Amino acid sequence: MAEQIISPGVFQNENVPITLEAAAAPIGAAIIGPTVKGPIGIPTQVTTYSDYKTKFGSTFVSGGIEYSYFTNISAQNYFKQGGASLTVIRVASGSDDFTPATSSAVVGGTGVANVFKLQTISEGNNQNSTSTETTGGALPSGSSDNLRWEITNVDSGSGIFTLNIRQGNDRQSDKTILESWRGVSLDPKRDDYIAKVIGNQVFSVGLDGTDAYVSVTGEYPNKSKYVIIKEVLKPTPDYLDGAGNFKAAFTSSLPLTGKSGSFGDGIGSIFYGGAGGTKYYNNITSTNVQGLAADDYTSSFNLLRNKDQYAFNVVSVPGLYYSAHSSTLDTLITNTTTRGDSILPLDLVAYGATSATAITQAGNVNSNYASAYWPWLLVRDEDTKANVWCPASTIIPSVYVYNDNTSEAWFAPAGFTRGTMPNVVAPEKTLPRTLRDNLYNAKINPIATFPGTGVVVYGQKTLQSLSTALDRVNVRRLMIALKAFIGNVSQNLVFEPNTLQTRNSFLSVVNPYLESVQQNQGLYAFKVVMDDSNNGPDVIDRNELRGAIYLQPVKTAEFIVLDFNLLPTGAEFPS
């Protein structure tokens, strides 16, 4: 369906006749789900798994057992297979009740109780480290996921000091310093002002009608991974006079050196308080997905509708499955289709479901922006060192990124070359040929096991019901890739003169790019038209610049047919 043209921008339409096909993918993935810590509901980019763990945590203990969320396992595998960029949105149950933790009093000189306050970026009561230090200088409430602070190197002559952010479970005799902010001051007129150096911005999700957006308060961008400056209670403006001498009246406003403290008053638990406790791995239910309900995801889905702000080529929500969460997932499918620049690996059923149930659910979805994989997978979790059951969408983003790193987005992310799953121990069920046939006929991509090869994605259909080029994942991801590149080129033409020179500048970039795609086995043929034939006076007078792009995408060889012919002795071979 063509977009309605109202405000300036680039508008791209896909026309797919039944007899002609088209199709592909940008860079990066998005994963939505619970995490141990981190900002809630705010899309956050991470570039390594170590970066992910710094911002969102790793494992946690419940009932004496160590667990990982599907989100962690998905990120773990994504980066292991060569992923370079991942957008993570942390979802929490009753997220309105979650708050960050605030530092204990950073005391100053005589009579000054608190000179500034810190606040954790992460939200939840697991950020609280407030407790009385033991003899060895440890905090009993300290953990690897929360923090403590420390002041050193106070220089009253210049008004500067060092703020160390330490790991919550370290000791005074064995400190783990996560960040050290040296030479900061409380003078708001200087570049070393602590709020300018560390940052003081707070992000929240708002709604304008049905459009979700991220709003920000605070003047200075956050540079710390762990904290912001919540408030400076005793600023020291013009700490130094014109001659470079400090003002004695301000020295008591400086924090005292050698002092350290903790964080407290954070609210919100990652553990579900309902009957039976939180359900993990293959024990998740329709109403208890790692402690969450489907409705907890909705605001994050709506926020990711903003394709100008958040770029990714695959979006995954491991833990939600269509048989129980169809309404919520339909919202995500609609949003993904509206964006037009990503694909959704969709889980259809819970652990233990039959193939017949999966097939029924696949029949309820009709979209070439979604693909279904089955069954569930036994996956090695590198953090807990345990084998755990995960839905297929936990691992599929890593298959896509491996495909893109070893080939191109328009190659099929399936088969023995690009569809292997090295961190998967076994599928929930071993699928015989007849069952794989039934699943593939129903638009479900089987995950199969072959002797000597291991676990392999053995299909690449989208969930589109109509038989066109876009019923294949490689073609959809080809279209995503082409639209991303050509859309970026087109963006530079908005508000440029509608002249031959502008059209030629577009063609001079797009034609060589499509030629490179053709040479790399993405297209059989293509043609780009942007001339007087589709830019007549009436089009120009509407302030439009139109282009027509015709594509013949390469099809994959999914069915290899070999005829063996036995001939009598002396017979001639056909020419």
Protein backbone atom coordinates (compact mmCIF):
# COMPACT_ATOMS: atom_id res chain seq x y z
CA MET A 1 0.00 0.00 0.00
CA ALA A 2 1.43 3.40 -1.00
CA GLU A 3 2.23 5.88 1.76
CA GLN A 4 0.12 9.04 1.98
CA ILE A 5 2.24 12.00 0.89
CA ILE A 6 1.80 14.88 3.35
CA SER A 7 5.12 16.09 4.79
CA PRO A 8 8.48 16.15 2.95
CA GLY A 9 10.41 12.85 2.88
CA VAL A 10 11.32 9.79 0.83
CA PHE A 11 8.46 7.46 -0.13
CA GLN A 12 9.22 3.94 -1.38
CA ASN A 13 6.58 1.61 -2.73
CA GLU A 14 6.88 -2.10 -3.52
CA ASN A 15 4.95 -3.52 -6.46
CA VAL A 16 5.03 -7.29 -6.67
CA PRO A 17 3.04 -8.80 -9.54
CA ILE A 18 2.39 -12.51 -9.25
CA THR A 19 4.48 -13.11 -12.37
CA LEU A 20 7.32 -10.82 -11.31
CA GLU A 21 9.16 -10.71 -8.06
CA ALA A 22 11.31 -8.46 -5.94
CA ALA A 23 13.22 -8.26 -2.51
CA ALA A 24 16.07 -7.65 1.46
CA ALA A 25 18.24 -6.11 4.76
CA PRO A 26 20.29 -2.85 6.93
CA ILE A 27 22.75 -3.51 9.76
CA GLY A 28 22.04 -4.50 13.34
CA ALA A 29 19.35 -6.28 15.30
CA ALA A 30 16.90 -5.39 18.05
CA ILE A 31 16.00 -7.64 20.99
CA ILE A 32 13.15 -6.84 23.37
CA GLY A 33 12.86 -8.63 26.71
CA PRO A 34 13.70 -8.72 30.41
CA THR A 35 17.24 -8.13 31.68
CA VAL A 36 18.86 -8.14 35.11
CA LYS A 37 19.47 -4.40 35.11
CA GLY A 38 19.57 -1.35 32.86
CA PRO A 39 17.21 1.45 31.82
CA ILE A 40 13.64 0.25 31.32
CA GLY A 41 11.86 0.83 28.02
CA ILE A 42 14.68 2.91 26.49
CA PRO A 43 16.29 1.54 23.29
CA THR A 44 19.99 1.23 24.09
CA GLN A 45 22.72 0.27 21.67
CA VAL A 46 25.47 -2.17 22.63
CA THR A 47 28.41 -3.18 20.45
CA THR A 48 29.86 -6.22 22.25
CA TYR A 49 28.56 -8.81 24.67
CA SER A 50 30.82 -7.31 27.33
CA ASP A 51 29.14 -3.96 26.68
CA TYR A 52 25.77 -5.69 26.95
CA LYS A 53 26.64 -7.18 30.35
CA THR A 54 27.91 -3.82 31.61
CA LYS A 55 24.59 -2.16 30.76
CA PHE A 56 22.09 -4.99 31.21
CA GLY A 57 23.75 -7.57 33.44
CA SER A 58 24.24 -11.28 33.04
CA THR A 59 22.94 -14.05 35.30
CA PHE A 60 20.85 -13.96 38.46
CA VAL A 61 19.93 -16.42 41.21
CA SER A 62 16.39 -17.46 42.08
CA GLY A 63 15.63 -20.24 44.56
CA GLY A 64 19.31 -21.14 44.69
CA ILE A 65 19.48 -21.71 40.91
CA GLU A 66 21.41 -19.50 38.49
CA TYR A 67 19.43 -18.34 35.47
CA SER A 68 19.85 -16.27 32.31
CA TYR A 69 17.09 -14.50 30.43
CA PHE A 70 16.42 -15.37 26.77
CA THR A 71 17.52 -11.79 26.05
CA ASN A 72 20.99 -12.52 27.39
CA ILE A 73 21.33 -15.80 25.55
CA SER A 74 20.22 -14.17 22.30
CA ALA A 75 22.73 -11.32 22.70
CA GLN A 76 25.43 -13.81 23.63
CA ASN A 77 24.94 -15.81 20.42
CA TYR A 78 24.44 -12.73 18.25
CA PHE A 79 27.84 -11.31 19.14
CA LYS A 80 29.50 -14.73 19.06
CA GLN A 81 28.47 -15.03 15.41
CA GLY A 82 29.96 -11.66 14.50
CA GLY A 83 27.21 -9.15 15.29
CA ALA A 84 28.45 -5.56 15.49
CA SER A 85 25.46 -3.61 16.76
CA LEU A 86 22.49 -4.58 18.89
CA THR A 87 19.59 -2.44 20.09
CA VAL A 88 18.23 -3.71 23.41
CA ILE A 89 15.00 -2.68 25.12
CA ARG A 90 14.61 -3.88 28.68
CA VAL A 91 11.05 -4.86 29.58
CA ALA A 92 9.98 -5.07 33.23
CA SER A 93 6.76 -6.09 34.93
CA GLY A 94 4.85 -3.05 36.13
CA SER A 95 7.70 -0.85 34.88
CA ASP A 96 6.02 2.30 36.23
CA ASP A 97 6.96 1.04 39.69
CA PHE A 98 10.68 0.79 38.88
CA THR A 99 13.01 3.60 39.94
CA PRO A 100 16.78 4.08 39.96
CA ALA A 101 18.82 4.18 43.17
CA THR A 102 20.29 7.35 44.67
CA SER A 103 23.67 7.79 46.32
CA SER A 104 24.09 8.15 50.05
CA ALA A 105 25.19 11.60 51.25
CA VAL A 106 28.38 12.92 49.65
CA VAL A 107 29.46 15.00 52.63
CA GLY A 108 31.42 18.23 52.43
CA GLY A 109 33.22 20.36 54.97
CA THR A 110 31.93 21.42 58.38
CA GLY A 111 28.16 21.70 58.44
CA VAL A 112 27.65 20.59 54.81
CA ALA A 113 25.66 17.35 54.75
CA ASN A 114 25.48 16.66 51.02
CA VAL A 115 27.22 18.49 48.18
CA PHE A 116 25.86 16.48 45.24
CA LYS A 117 23.73 13.40 44.52
CA LEU A 118 24.32 10.55 42.08
CA GLN A 119 21.65 8.37 40.51
CA THR A 120 22.03 4.97 38.87
CA ILE A 121 21.13 4.65 35.21
CA SER A 122 19.83 1.16 35.92
CA GLU A 123 16.47 0.78 37.62
CA GLY A 124 15.26 -1.61 40.28
CA ASN A 125 15.86 -2.61 43.87
CA ASN A 126 18.87 -4.71 42.85
CA GLN A 127 20.69 -1.38 42.49
CA ASN A 128 20.50 -0.86 46.26
CA SER A 129 23.84 -1.47 47.97
CA THR A 130 23.09 0.48 51.17
CA SER A 131 24.33 -1.46 54.20
CA THR A 132 26.89 -1.17 56.97
CA GLU A 133 30.42 -1.99 55.86
CA THR A 134 32.00 -5.11 57.30
CA THR A 135 35.40 -5.02 58.98
CA GLY A 136 37.04 -5.67 55.61
CA GLY A 137 35.22 -2.76 53.99
CA ALA A 138 32.65 -4.82 52.06
CA LEU A 139 28.96 -4.02 51.68
CA PRO A 140 26.76 -7.02 52.54
CA SER A 141 24.18 -5.72 50.04
CA GLY A 142 26.80 -5.09 47.38
CA SER A 143 26.68 -7.17 44.20
CA SER A 144 28.33 -7.32 40.81
CA ASP A 145 25.27 -5.56 39.42
CA ASN A 146 25.12 -2.59 41.80
CA LEU A 147 27.51 0.20 42.72
CA ARG A 148 29.31 2.22 45.36
CA TRP A 149 31.06 5.59 45.08
CA GLU A 150 34.29 7.07 46.40
CA ILE A 151 35.92 10.54 46.58
CA THR A 152 39.69 10.97 46.26
CA ASN A 153 42.28 13.62 45.37
CA VAL A 154 40.40 16.67 46.60
CA ASP A 155 42.35 19.86 45.80
CA SER A 156 40.91 22.93 47.49
CA GLY A 157 43.38 25.15 45.63
CA SER A 158 41.73 24.42 42.26
CA GLY A 159 38.36 23.11 43.43
CA ILE A 160 38.70 19.72 41.73
CA PHE A 161 38.44 16.14 42.94
CA THR A 162 38.14 12.55 41.65
CA LEU A 163 34.93 10.53 41.70
CA ASN A 164 35.33 6.76 41.47
CA ILE A 165 32.41 4.48 40.63
CA ARG A 166 33.13 1.09 42.15
CA GLN A 167 31.50 -2.31 41.86
CA GLY A 168 29.09 -2.92 44.72
CA ASN A 169 30.67 -6.15 45.92
CA ASP A 170 34.29 -5.00 46.13
CA ARG A 171 36.26 -4.30 49.33
CA GLN A 172 38.28 -1.33 50.51
CA SER A 173 41.41 -3.46 50.35
CA ASP A 174 40.57 -4.88 46.91
CA LYS A 175 38.72 -2.23 44.93
CA THR A 176 37.04 -2.80 41.56
CA ILE A 177 36.90 0.65 39.99
CA LEU A 178 34.49 0.67 37.05
CA GLU A 179 34.96 4.35 36.15
CA SER A 180 37.23 7.09 37.47
CA TRP A 181 36.26 10.70 36.82
CA ARG A 182 39.36 12.77 37.55
CA GLY A 183 39.57 16.51 37.90
CA VAL A 184 35.87 17.34 38.20
CA SER A 185 34.52 20.42 39.97
CA LEU A 186 31.26 21.83 41.30
CA ASP A 187 31.67 25.09 39.37
CA PRO A 188 28.86 25.25 36.78
CA LYS A 189 30.76 27.85 34.76
CA ARG A 190 33.71 25.56 34.05
CA ASP A 191 34.15 22.77 31.53
CA ASP A 192 35.13 20.39 34.32
CA TYR A 193 31.77 20.86 36.07
CA ILE A 194 30.78 17.41 37.27
CA ALA A 195 27.37 17.42 35.55
CA LYS A 196 28.96 18.40 32.22
CA VAL A 197 31.63 15.71 32.52
CA ILE A 198 29.44 12.82 33.70
CA GLY A 199 26.01 13.86 32.42
CA ASN A 200 22.62 14.45 34.01
CA GLN A 201 20.06 13.35 31.46
CA VAL A 202 17.07 11.18 32.36
CA PHE A 203 15.09 9.43 29.63
CA SER A 204 11.45 8.38 29.74
CA VAL A 205 8.86 7.08 27.30
CA GLY A 206 5.87 9.27 26.48
CA LEU A 207 2.84 9.14 24.19
CA ASP A 208 1.57 11.72 21.71
CA GLY A 209 -1.76 10.20 20.71
CA THR A 210 -0.73 6.69 19.72
CA ASP A 211 2.85 7.65 18.85
CA ALA A 212 5.44 6.66 21.46
CA TYR A 213 8.57 8.75 21.89
CA VAL A 214 11.53 9.12 24.24
CA SER A 215 11.67 12.40 26.15
CA VAL A 216 14.76 13.72 27.92
CA THR A 217 15.33 16.02 30.87
CA GLY A 218 18.73 17.38 31.85
CA GLU A 219 21.17 19.59 29.99
CA TYR A 220 24.29 17.46 29.64
CA PRO A 221 24.62 14.17 27.68
CA ASN A 222 25.47 11.10 29.74
CA LYS A 223 29.05 9.91 29.43
CA SER A 224 29.04 7.46 32.33
CA LYS A 225 27.76 3.95 31.74
CA TYR A 226 26.56 3.66 35.30
CA VAL A 227 25.44 6.94 36.90
CA ILE A 228 24.19 10.45 36.28
CA ILE A 229 24.46 13.57 38.41
CA LYS A 230 21.00 13.85 39.92
CA GLU A 231 21.62 17.19 41.63
CA VAL A 232 24.43 19.51 42.68
CA LEU A 233 23.31 20.92 46.03
CA LYS A 234 26.39 23.03 46.77
CA PRO A 235 27.64 24.53 43.48
CA THR A 236 30.78 26.65 43.56
CA PRO A 237 30.31 29.25 40.77
CA ASP A 238 33.49 31.22 40.03
CA TYR A 239 35.43 29.11 42.53
CA LEU A 240 38.59 30.85 41.36
CA ASP A 241 38.74 34.63 41.24
CA GLY A 242 40.28 36.68 38.45
CA ALA A 243 43.74 36.17 39.88
CA GLY A 244 43.32 32.40 40.05
CA ASN A 245 42.88 32.27 43.81
CA PHE A 246 40.19 30.07 45.38
CA LYS A 247 37.38 31.56 47.42
CA ALA A 248 37.58 30.30 50.97
CA ALA A 249 33.80 30.48 51.35
CA PHE A 250 33.45 27.61 48.88
CA THR A 251 36.01 25.16 50.27
CA SER A 252 33.46 23.59 52.63
CA SER A 253 31.32 22.77 49.58
CA LEU A 254 33.95 20.37 48.26
CA PRO A 255 33.40 16.69 49.11
CA LEU A 256 35.68 15.22 51.74
CA THR A 257 38.51 13.08 50.40
CA GLY A 258 38.60 9.39 51.28
CA LYS A 259 34.86 9.19 51.78
CA SER A 260 32.85 6.43 50.11
CA GLY A 261 29.23 5.43 50.07
CA SER A 262 26.49 3.30 48.56
CA PHE A 263 23.20 3.59 46.69
CA GLY A 264 19.67 3.04 47.91
CA ASP A 265 15.94 3.66 47.49
CA GLY A 266 15.74 1.89 44.14
CA ILE A 267 12.34 0.27 43.61
CA GLY A 268 11.24 -2.71 41.52
CA SER A 269 12.01 -6.43 41.58
CA ILE A 270 12.93 -8.65 38.64
CA PHE A 271 11.13 -11.51 40.40
CA TYR A 272 7.45 -12.13 39.79
CA GLY A 273 5.42 -11.98 42.98
CA GLY A 274 2.49 -14.13 41.86
CA ALA A 275 1.69 -17.70 42.74
CA GLY A 276 4.33 -20.19 41.67
CA GLY A 277 7.04 -17.56 41.22
CA THR A 278 8.76 -16.60 37.98
CA LYS A 279 8.78 -19.14 35.14
CA TYR A 280 11.94 -19.60 33.06
CA TYR A 281 13.08 -21.50 29.96
CA ASN A 282 10.69 -24.27 28.88
CA ASN A 283 8.50 -23.65 31.94
CA ILE A 284 7.23 -20.24 30.77
CA THR A 285 3.45 -19.95 30.48
CA SER A 286 1.03 -17.72 28.62
CA THR A 287 0.77 -15.38 31.62
CA ASN A 288 4.28 -15.74 33.08
CA VAL A 289 7.00 -15.22 30.50
CA GLN A 290 10.14 -14.94 32.63
CA GLY A 291 8.01 -12.95 35.08
CA LEU A 292 6.34 -10.80 32.44
CA ALA A 293 2.94 -10.57 30.79
CA ALA A 294 2.50 -9.85 27.08
CA ASP A 295 1.12 -6.37 27.79
CA ASP A 296 4.46 -5.38 29.35
CA TYR A 297 5.96 -5.36 25.83
CA THR A 298 3.44 -3.09 24.09
CA SER A 299 5.00 0.32 24.75
CA SER A 300 8.39 -0.95 23.52
CA PHE A 301 6.77 -2.24 20.31
CA ASN A 302 5.17 1.14 19.68
CA LEU A 303 8.41 2.99 20.37
CA LEU A 304 10.25 0.96 17.72
CA ARG A 305 7.82 2.16 15.06
CA ASN A 306 10.16 5.16 14.71
CA LYS A 307 12.43 3.92 11.92
CA ASP A 308 14.18 7.29 11.66
CA GLN A 309 15.44 6.97 15.22
CA TYR A 310 16.08 3.24 15.57
CA ALA A 311 17.76 1.21 12.82
CA PHE A 312 17.89 -2.59 12.70
CA ASN A 313 17.23 -5.35 10.18
CA VAL A 314 15.81 -8.04 12.48
CA VAL A 315 13.70 -7.69 15.63
CA SER A 316 13.25 -10.50 18.13
CA VAL A 317 11.08 -11.00 21.23
CA PRO A 318 12.13 -14.44 22.55
CA GLY A 319 9.56 -15.69 25.06
CA LEU A 320 6.37 -14.50 23.38
CA TYR A 321 4.67 -17.07 21.15
CA TYR A 322 1.72 -16.66 18.82
CA SER A 323 -0.63 -19.30 20.22
CA ALA A 324 -0.79 -17.40 23.54
CA HIS A 325 0.20 -13.83 22.64
CA SER A 326 -1.30 -13.28 19.18
CA SER A 327 -2.77 -9.85 19.91
CA THR A 328 0.51 -8.42 21.19
CA LEU A 329 2.55 -10.03 18.41
CA ASP A 330 0.10 -8.80 15.77
CA THR A 331 0.98 -5.29 16.93
CA LEU A 332 4.66 -6.03 16.39
CA ILE A 333 4.01 -7.60 12.97
CA THR A 334 2.02 -4.52 11.92
CA ASN A 335 4.73 -2.17 13.18
CA THR A 336 7.45 -4.20 11.43
CA THR A 337 5.48 -4.13 8.19
CA THR A 338 4.93 -0.38 8.50
CA ARG A 339 8.66 0.20 9.03
CA GLY A 340 9.51 -1.98 6.03
CA ASP A 341 13.16 -2.35 7.01
CA SER A 342 13.31 -5.44 9.21
CA ILE A 343 12.05 -8.97 9.64
CA LEU A 344 10.59 -10.70 12.71
CA PRO A 345 11.54 -14.32 13.56
CA LEU A 346 8.30 -15.46 15.17
CA ASP A 347 7.76 -18.27 17.65
CA LEU A 348 4.42 -19.99 17.22
CA VAL A 349 3.97 -22.30 20.21
CA ALA A 350 5.19 -23.13 23.70
CA TYR A 351 7.65 -25.88 24.52
CA GLY A 352 6.11 -29.32 24.16
CA ALA A 353 3.50 -28.35 21.54
CA THR A 354 2.80 -30.60 18.56
CA SER A 355 3.62 -29.84 14.95
CA ALA A 356 -0.12 -29.75 14.22
CA THR A 357 -0.54 -26.89 16.71
CA ALA A 358 2.39 -25.03 15.17
CA ILE A 359 0.93 -25.49 11.68
CA THR A 360 -2.44 -24.17 12.84
CA GLN A 361 -0.82 -21.05 14.28
CA ALA A 362 1.24 -20.43 11.14
CA GLY A 363 -2.00 -20.40 9.17
CA ASN A 364 -3.18 -17.46 11.26
CA VAL A 365 -0.30 -15.21 10.14
CA ASN A 366 0.12 -13.72 6.67
CA SER A 367 3.16 -11.47 6.40
CA ASN A 368 6.40 -11.44 4.45
CA TYR A 369 7.97 -9.40 7.28
CA ALA A 370 7.77 -12.38 9.64
CA SER A 371 9.21 -15.88 9.51
CA ALA A 372 8.53 -18.88 11.75
CA TYR A 373 11.03 -21.50 12.97
CA TRP A 374 10.31 -24.69 14.95
CA PRO A 375 10.93 -26.55 17.27
CA TRP A 376 12.45 -25.19 20.49
CA LEU A 377 16.21 -25.61 20.99
CA LEU A 378 18.51 -26.86 23.74
CA VAL A 379 21.18 -24.15 23.90
CA ARG A 380 24.49 -23.92 25.71
CA ASP A 381 24.44 -20.83 27.95
CA GLU A 382 28.03 -19.61 28.18
CA ASP A 383 27.30 -17.60 31.35
CA THR A 384 25.72 -20.32 33.52
CA LYS A 385 27.54 -23.16 31.72
CA ALA A 386 24.22 -25.00 31.56
CA ASN A 387 22.16 -26.34 28.67
CA VAL A 388 18.75 -24.65 28.64
CA TRP A 389 15.63 -24.76 26.46
CA CYS A 390 14.98 -21.65 24.36
CA PRO A 391 12.48 -20.76 21.63
CA ALA A 392 14.03 -20.63 18.16
CA SER A 393 13.79 -16.82 17.92
CA THR A 394 16.47 -16.63 20.62
CA ILE A 395 19.04 -17.97 18.15
CA ILE A 396 17.76 -16.95 14.69
CA PRO A 397 19.24 -13.39 14.82
CA SER A 398 22.68 -14.99 15.20
CA VAL A 399 22.00 -17.14 12.11
CA TYR A 400 21.08 -14.02 10.12
CA VAL A 401 24.17 -12.11 11.20
CA TYR A 402 26.42 -15.07 10.40
CA ASN A 403 24.81 -15.26 6.95
CA ASP A 404 25.47 -11.56 6.38
CA ASN A 405 29.07 -11.73 7.60
CA THR A 406 29.98 -14.71 5.44
CA SER A 407 27.86 -13.90 2.38
CA GLU A 408 25.26 -11.18 1.75
CA ALA A 409 21.82 -10.36 3.13
CA TRP A 410 20.20 -11.76 -0.02
CA PHE A 411 21.68 -15.23 0.49
CA ALA A 412 19.43 -17.75 2.22
CA PRO A 413 20.14 -17.99 5.98
CA ALA A 414 19.64 -21.73 5.88
CA GLY A 415 21.37 -24.97 4.99
CA PHE A 416 24.76 -26.44 5.79
CA THR A 417 26.78 -23.40 4.68
CA ARG A 418 24.98 -20.54 6.44
CA GLY A 419 22.26 -22.15 8.56
CA THR A 420 24.28 -24.07 11.13
CA MET A 421 23.76 -23.33 14.82
CA PRO A 422 27.02 -24.10 16.64
CA ASN A 423 25.81 -23.25 20.15
CA VAL A 424 22.69 -25.43 19.87
CA VAL A 425 23.00 -28.86 21.48
CA ALA A 426 19.80 -30.37 20.10
CA PRO A 427 16.32 -29.46 18.92
CA GLU A 428 13.31 -30.31 21.06
CA LYS A 429 12.27 -32.88 18.46
CA THR A 430 14.15 -34.66 15.70
CA LEU A 431 12.16 -34.04 12.53
CA PRO A 432 11.84 -36.80 9.90
CA ARG A 433 11.52 -35.85 6.24
CA THR A 434 7.72 -36.19 6.15
CA LEU A 435 7.30 -33.86 9.12
CA ARG A 436 9.71 -31.32 7.61
CA ASP A 437 7.62 -31.43 4.43
CA ASN A 438 4.42 -30.76 6.36
CA LEU A 439 6.01 -27.84 8.21
CA TYR A 440 7.47 -26.27 5.07
CA ASN A 441 4.15 -26.55 3.25
CA ALA A 442 2.66 -24.64 6.19
CA LYS A 443 5.26 -21.80 5.96
CA ILE A 444 7.28 -23.04 8.96
CA ASN A 445 11.05 -23.35 8.63
CA PRO A 446 12.14 -26.66 10.18
CA ILE A 447 15.22 -26.86 12.37
CA ALA A 448 16.69 -30.24 11.57
CA THR A 449 19.51 -32.49 12.72
CA PHE A 450 21.82 -34.33 10.34
CA PRO A 451 24.55 -36.86 11.24
CA GLY A 452 27.98 -35.27 11.26
CA THR A 453 26.57 -31.79 10.67
CA GLY A 454 24.61 -30.89 13.77
CA VAL A 455 21.59 -28.65 14.06
CA VAL A 456 20.66 -26.72 10.91
CA VAL A 457 17.99 -24.25 9.84
CA TYR A 458 16.43 -26.12 6.92
CA GLY A 459 14.01 -23.66 5.41
CA GLN A 460 13.69 -20.00 4.53
CA LYS A 461 10.05 -19.14 3.99
CA THR A 462 8.34 -16.04 5.25
CA LEU A 463 4.82 -16.29 6.64
CA GLN A 464 3.30 -14.82 3.48
CA SER A 465 0.52 -17.04 2.17
CA LEU A 466 0.56 -15.86 -1.45
CA SER A 467 3.17 -17.43 -3.69
CA THR A 468 5.40 -14.54 -4.83
CA ALA A 469 9.09 -13.81 -4.57
CA LEU A 470 8.48 -12.32 -1.13
CA ASP A 471 7.48 -15.66 0.36
CA ARG A 472 11.22 -16.31 0.82
CA VAL A 473 13.39 -14.81 3.56
CA ASN A 474 16.32 -14.07 1.27
CA VAL A 475 14.14 -12.01 -1.06
CA ARG A 476 12.54 -10.07 1.78
CA ARG A 477 15.98 -9.34 3.23
CA LEU A 478 17.25 -8.35 -0.23
CA MET A 479 14.47 -5.78 -0.44
CA ILE A 480 15.28 -4.50 3.02
CA ALA A 481 18.94 -4.07 2.06
CA LEU A 482 18.18 -2.34 -1.24
CA LYS A 483 15.60 -0.01 0.29
CA ALA A 484 18.00 0.90 3.09
CA PHE A 485 20.78 1.88 0.69
CA ILE A 486 18.61 3.60 -1.90
CA GLY A 487 16.55 5.30 0.80
CA ASN A 488 19.70 6.80 2.32
CA VAL A 489 20.79 8.03 -1.10
CA SER A 490 17.35 9.53 -1.70
CA GLN A 491 17.32 11.28 1.66
CA ASN A 492 20.13 13.52 0.41
CA LEU A 493 17.91 14.70 -2.47
CA VAL A 494 15.08 16.05 -0.33
CA PHE A 495 14.78 19.83 -0.94
CA GLU A 496 17.27 19.67 -3.82
CA PRO A 497 16.29 21.21 -7.21
CA ASN A 498 14.10 18.92 -9.31
CA THR A 499 16.44 19.00 -12.30
CA LEU A 500 18.26 16.64 -14.65
CA GLN A 501 21.43 17.13 -12.63
CA THR A 502 19.72 15.91 -9.44
CA ARG A 503 18.29 12.87 -11.21
CA ASN A 504 21.64 11.98 -12.72
CA SER A 505 23.35 12.25 -9.34
CA PHE A 506 20.85 9.69 -8.02
CA LEU A 507 21.36 7.35 -10.99
CA SER A 508 25.14 7.64 -10.75
CA VAL A 509 25.05 6.11 -7.28
CA VAL A 510 22.13 3.68 -7.48
CA ASN A 511 23.02 1.99 -10.78
CA PRO A 512 26.56 1.01 -9.70
CA TYR A 513 25.21 -0.26 -6.40
CA LEU A 514 22.62 -2.47 -8.08
CA GLU A 515 25.32 -3.69 -10.47
CA SER A 516 27.38 -4.77 -7.46
CA VAL A 517 24.35 -6.59 -6.03
CA GLN A 518 23.90 -8.32 -9.39
CA GLN A 519 27.57 -9.34 -9.45
CA ASN A 520 27.19 -10.71 -5.93
CA GLN A 521 24.29 -12.97 -6.93
CA GLY A 522 21.44 -10.86 -5.58
CA LEU A 523 19.77 -9.91 -8.86
CA TYR A 524 19.37 -11.45 -12.29
CA ALA A 525 18.60 -8.06 -13.80
CA PHE A 526 17.45 -4.57 -12.88
CA LYS A 527 16.44 -1.24 -14.41
CA VAL A 528 16.18 2.22 -12.84
CA VAL A 529 14.05 4.92 -14.47
CA MET A 530 14.20 8.52 -13.29
CA ASP A 531 13.73 10.79 -16.28
CA ASP A 532 11.08 12.84 -18.10
CA SER A 533 8.94 9.73 -18.61
CA ASN A 534 7.99 9.62 -14.93
CA ASN A 535 8.79 13.21 -13.99
CA GLY A 536 6.53 15.26 -16.22
CA PRO A 537 5.42 18.84 -15.52
CA ASP A 538 2.46 17.71 -13.38
CA VAL A 539 4.76 15.64 -11.14
CA ILE A 540 7.30 18.44 -10.82
CA ASP A 541 4.54 20.95 -9.99
CA ARG A 542 3.52 18.70 -7.08
CA ASN A 543 7.11 19.01 -5.75
CA GLU A 544 7.71 15.31 -6.36
CA LEU A 545 10.71 13.47 -7.79
CA ARG A 546 9.77 9.98 -8.94
CA GLY A 547 11.87 6.93 -9.66
CA ALA A 548 10.91 3.45 -10.82
CA ILE A 549 13.15 0.52 -9.90
CA TYR A 550 12.58 -2.84 -11.59
CA LEU A 551 14.21 -5.91 -10.06
CA GLN A 552 14.53 -9.58 -10.87
CA PRO A 553 15.79 -11.18 -7.65
CA VAL A 554 17.88 -14.33 -7.68
CA LYS A 555 16.00 -17.42 -6.49
CA THR A 556 17.60 -20.04 -4.29
CA ALA A 557 17.99 -23.71 -5.21
CA GLU A 558 15.89 -25.29 -2.46
CA PHE A 559 14.93 -28.44 -4.32
CA ILE A 560 17.75 -30.37 -5.99
CA VAL A 561 16.39 -32.89 -8.49
CA LEU A 562 18.84 -35.43 -9.93
CA ASP A 563 17.75 -38.02 -12.50
CA PHE A 564 19.82 -41.21 -12.63
CA ASN A 565 19.33 -43.05 -15.94
CA LEU A 566 20.50 -46.63 -16.43
CA LEU A 567 21.25 -47.47 -20.08
CA PRO A 568 22.00 -50.83 -21.74
CA THR A 569 25.52 -51.62 -22.77
CA GLY A 570 26.47 -49.91 -25.99
CA ALA A 571 23.70 -47.34 -25.87
CA GLU A 572 24.62 -43.80 -26.85
CA PHE A 573 24.42 -41.00 -24.30
CA PRO A 574 22.04 -38.20 -25.20
CA SER A 575 23.81 -35.07 -26.47
